[in-house]
Amino acid sequence: MTFWHDRVSWLLLALAIACFVVGAFPQWSEWVDPANGDQVSKYRLGFWFSPVYEHVRRVHRQVVGGALEGEYTIESRPNWLSWSSLVILIGLGSLGILRWRRDAVAGPQRQEPGIQAK
């Protein structure tokens, strides 16, 4: 059985691709904080409840001399211990298993020319 006809290998490849797509799914959101009127922009990669990366930009609303001025703060951080990072690790593991299966399906390695089996 060759690698291209092995259904388990195709399943592992599809699982790895799906894990990378789901684990790194980008999400953008913008809103105004009702408590203080700050404008918040949030960018996430991964699941909404447990992203692998989060970038938050907050524009603070200030009234100076009758005009609105805003200073902003930026918080960005990776979240290594998240469900999204676990899904990405499962995808990497699937690629590792796929490589191992591909090497196993390829057959035994060639023997060197001077060595003969008895």
C-alpha atoms as a PDB file:
ATOM      1  CA  MET A   1       0.000   0.000   0.000  1.00  0.00           C
ATOM      2  CA  THR A   2       1.456   3.344  -0.992  1.00  0.00           C
ATOM      3  CA  PHE A   3       1.279   6.527   0.997  1.00  0.00           C
ATOM      4  CA  TRP A   4      -1.190   8.206  -1.378  1.00  0.00           C
ATOM      5  CA  HIS A   5      -3.717   5.358  -1.015  1.00  0.00           C
ATOM      6  CA  ASP A   6      -3.463   5.169   2.773  1.00  0.00           C
ATOM      7  CA  ARG A   7      -6.709   6.568   4.238  1.00  0.00           C
ATOM      8  CA  VAL A   8      -5.267   6.974   7.731  1.00  0.00           C
ATOM      9  CA  SER A   9      -2.538   9.223   6.353  1.00  0.00           C
ATOM     10  CA  TRP A  10      -5.097  11.392   4.577  1.00  0.00           C
ATOM     11  CA  LEU A  11      -7.161  11.528   7.766  1.00  0.00           C
ATOM     12  CA  LEU A  12      -4.101  12.638   9.776  1.00  0.00           C
ATOM     13  CA  LEU A  13      -3.320  15.304   7.181  1.00  0.00           C
ATOM     14  CA  ALA A  14      -6.915  16.596   7.243  1.00  0.00           C
ATOM     15  CA  LEU A  15      -6.867  16.603  11.057  1.00  0.00           C
ATOM     16  CA  ALA A  16      -3.623  18.605  11.107  1.00  0.00           C
ATOM     17  CA  ILE A  17      -4.948  21.201   8.644  1.00  0.00           C
ATOM     18  CA  ALA A  18      -8.237  21.506  10.538  1.00  0.00           C
ATOM     19  CA  CYS A  19      -6.371  21.982  13.836  1.00  0.00           C
ATOM     20  CA  PHE A  20      -4.236  24.779  12.373  1.00  0.00           C
ATOM     21  CA  VAL A  21      -7.290  26.520  10.896  1.00  0.00           C
ATOM     22  CA  VAL A  22      -9.346  26.278  14.102  1.00  0.00           C
ATOM     23  CA  GLY A  23      -6.436  26.993  16.455  1.00  0.00           C
ATOM     24  CA  ALA A  24      -5.381  30.129  14.608  1.00  0.00           C
ATOM     25  CA  PHE A  25      -8.832  31.401  13.573  1.00  0.00           C
ATOM     26  CA  PRO A  26      -8.659  35.252  13.578  1.00  0.00           C
ATOM     27  CA  GLN A  27     -11.392  37.344  15.191  1.00  0.00           C
ATOM     28  CA  TRP A  28     -11.770  41.132  15.303  1.00  0.00           C
ATOM     29  CA  SER A  29     -14.118  43.153  17.441  1.00  0.00           C
ATOM     30  CA  GLU A  30     -14.585  46.832  18.257  1.00  0.00           C
ATOM     31  CA  TRP A  31     -16.838  48.455  20.833  1.00  0.00           C
ATOM     32  CA  VAL A  32     -17.163  51.396  23.185  1.00  0.00           C
ATOM     33  CA  ASP A  33     -16.759  50.605  26.863  1.00  0.00           C
ATOM     34  CA  PRO A  34     -19.988  51.821  28.543  1.00  0.00           C
ATOM     35  CA  ALA A  35     -18.268  52.355  31.901  1.00  0.00           C
ATOM     36  CA  ASN A  36     -15.853  55.064  30.754  1.00  0.00           C
ATOM     37  CA  GLY A  37     -16.457  55.676  27.039  1.00  0.00           C
ATOM     38  CA  ASP A  38     -13.149  54.153  25.887  1.00  0.00           C
ATOM     39  CA  GLN A  39     -13.019  52.786  22.372  1.00  0.00           C
ATOM     40  CA  VAL A  40     -11.708  49.209  22.446  1.00  0.00           C
ATOM     41  CA  SER A  41     -10.363  47.180  19.502  1.00  0.00           C
ATOM     42  CA  LYS A  42      -9.590  43.525  20.090  1.00  0.00           C
ATOM     43  CA  TYR A  43      -7.840  41.021  17.825  1.00  0.00           C
ATOM     44  CA  ARG A  44      -7.689  37.328  18.784  1.00  0.00           C
ATOM     45  CA  LEU A  45      -6.296  34.151  17.277  1.00  0.00           C
ATOM     46  CA  GLY A  46      -7.988  30.909  18.267  1.00  0.00           C
ATOM     47  CA  PHE A  47     -11.152  30.070  20.165  1.00  0.00           C
ATOM     48  CA  TRP A  48     -13.085  33.079  21.490  1.00  0.00           C
ATOM     49  CA  PHE A  49     -13.036  31.724  25.065  1.00  0.00           C
ATOM     50  CA  SER A  50      -9.358  30.695  25.053  1.00  0.00           C
ATOM     51  CA  PRO A  51      -7.288  32.452  22.366  1.00  0.00           C
ATOM     52  CA  VAL A  52      -3.662  31.625  21.699  1.00  0.00           C
ATOM     53  CA  TYR A  53      -2.903  35.333  21.041  1.00  0.00           C
ATOM     54  CA  GLU A  54      -4.752  38.492  22.011  1.00  0.00           C
ATOM     55  CA  HIS A  55      -4.079  42.132  21.052  1.00  0.00           C
ATOM     56  CA  VAL A  56      -6.170  44.857  22.720  1.00  0.00           C
ATOM     57  CA  ARG A  57      -5.976  48.563  21.815  1.00  0.00           C
ATOM     58  CA  ARG A  58      -7.870  50.891  24.123  1.00  0.00           C
ATOM     59  CA  VAL A  59      -8.316  54.598  23.272  1.00  0.00           C
ATOM     60  CA  HIS A  60      -8.984  56.501  26.480  1.00  0.00           C
ATOM     61  CA  ARG A  61     -11.534  59.262  26.113  1.00  0.00           C
ATOM     62  CA  GLN A  62     -10.514  62.597  27.601  1.00  0.00           C
ATOM     63  CA  VAL A  63     -12.041  66.052  27.249  1.00  0.00           C
ATOM     64  CA  VAL A  64      -9.344  68.744  27.132  1.00  0.00           C
ATOM     65  CA  GLY A  65     -10.428  72.349  26.546  1.00  0.00           C
ATOM     66  CA  GLY A  66     -13.769  71.346  25.036  1.00  0.00           C
ATOM     67  CA  ALA A  67     -12.178  68.976  22.472  1.00  0.00           C
ATOM     68  CA  LEU A  68     -11.935  65.216  22.652  1.00  0.00           C
ATOM     69  CA  GLU A  69      -8.421  63.865  22.794  1.00  0.00           C
ATOM     70  CA  GLY A  70      -7.411  60.310  23.304  1.00  0.00           C
ATOM     71  CA  GLU A  71      -4.373  58.521  24.561  1.00  0.00           C
ATOM     72  CA  TYR A  72      -4.209  54.850  23.912  1.00  0.00           C
ATOM     73  CA  THR A  73      -2.769  51.747  25.494  1.00  0.00           C
ATOM     74  CA  ILE A  74      -1.923  48.507  23.762  1.00  0.00           C
ATOM     75  CA  GLU A  75      -1.828  45.114  25.419  1.00  0.00           C
ATOM     76  CA  SER A  76      -0.728  42.100  23.441  1.00  0.00           C
ATOM     77  CA  ARG A  77       0.156  38.731  24.815  1.00  0.00           C
ATOM     78  CA  PRO A  78       0.437  35.124  23.756  1.00  0.00           C
ATOM     79  CA  ASN A  79      -1.494  32.631  25.837  1.00  0.00           C
ATOM     80  CA  TRP A  80       0.576  29.459  25.821  1.00  0.00           C
ATOM     81  CA  LEU A  81      -1.771  27.554  28.134  1.00  0.00           C
ATOM     82  CA  SER A  82      -4.993  27.711  26.145  1.00  0.00           C
ATOM     83  CA  TRP A  83      -7.323  25.350  24.328  1.00  0.00           C
ATOM     84  CA  SER A  84      -6.268  26.922  21.032  1.00  0.00           C
ATOM     85  CA  SER A  85      -2.590  26.123  21.656  1.00  0.00           C
ATOM     86  CA  LEU A  86      -3.584  22.558  22.602  1.00  0.00           C
ATOM     87  CA  VAL A  87      -5.400  22.181  19.272  1.00  0.00           C
ATOM     88  CA  ILE A  88      -2.318  23.483  17.426  1.00  0.00           C
ATOM     89  CA  LEU A  89      -0.149  20.952  19.315  1.00  0.00           C
ATOM     90  CA  ILE A  90      -2.542  18.186  18.252  1.00  0.00           C
ATOM     91  CA  GLY A  91      -2.068  19.363  14.651  1.00  0.00           C
ATOM     92  CA  LEU A  92       1.723  19.235  15.039  1.00  0.00           C
ATOM     93  CA  GLY A  93       1.433  15.768  16.577  1.00  0.00           C
ATOM     94  CA  SER A  94      -0.693  14.624  13.642  1.00  0.00           C
ATOM     95  CA  LEU A  95       1.991  15.827  11.231  1.00  0.00           C
ATOM     96  CA  GLY A  96       4.618  13.929  13.248  1.00  0.00           C
ATOM     97  CA  ILE A  97       2.576  10.730  13.145  1.00  0.00           C
ATOM     98  CA  LEU A  98       1.955  11.283   9.430  1.00  0.00           C
ATOM     99  CA  ARG A  99       5.688  11.560   8.797  1.00  0.00           C
ATOM    100  CA  TRP A 100       6.332   8.401  10.821  1.00  0.00           C
ATOM    101  CA  ARG A 101       3.624   6.504   8.868  1.00  0.00           C
ATOM    102  CA  ARG A 102       5.010   7.774   5.566  1.00  0.00           C
ATOM    103  CA  ASP A 103       8.471   6.488   6.449  1.00  0.00           C
ATOM    104  CA  ALA A 104       6.962   3.152   7.539  1.00  0.00           C
ATOM    105  CA  VAL A 105       4.975   2.795   4.306  1.00  0.00           C
ATOM    106  CA  ALA A 106       8.045   3.614   2.210  1.00  0.00           C
ATOM    107  CA  GLY A 107       9.542   0.268   3.238  1.00  0.00           C
ATOM    108  CA  PRO A 108      12.884  -0.824   4.649  1.00  0.00           C
ATOM    109  CA  GLN A 109      16.007   1.169   3.908  1.00  0.00           C
ATOM    110  CA  ARG A 110      18.465  -0.018   1.273  1.00  0.00           C
ATOM    111  CA  GLN A 111      21.366  -2.113   2.448  1.00  0.00           C
ATOM    112  CA  GLU A 112      24.885  -0.925   1.820  1.00  0.00           C
ATOM    113  CA  PRO A 113      26.620  -2.606  -1.172  1.00  0.00           C
ATOM    114  CA  GLY A 114      29.262  -4.522   0.832  1.00  0.00           C
ATOM    115  CA  ILE A 115      26.842  -6.133   3.277  1.00  0.00           C
ATOM    116  CA  GLN A 116      24.873  -9.256   2.370  1.00  0.00           C
ATOM    117  CA  ALA A 117      22.264 -11.021   4.440  1.00  0.00           C
ATOM    118  CA  LYS A 118      22.933 -14.694   5.183  1.00  0.00           C
END
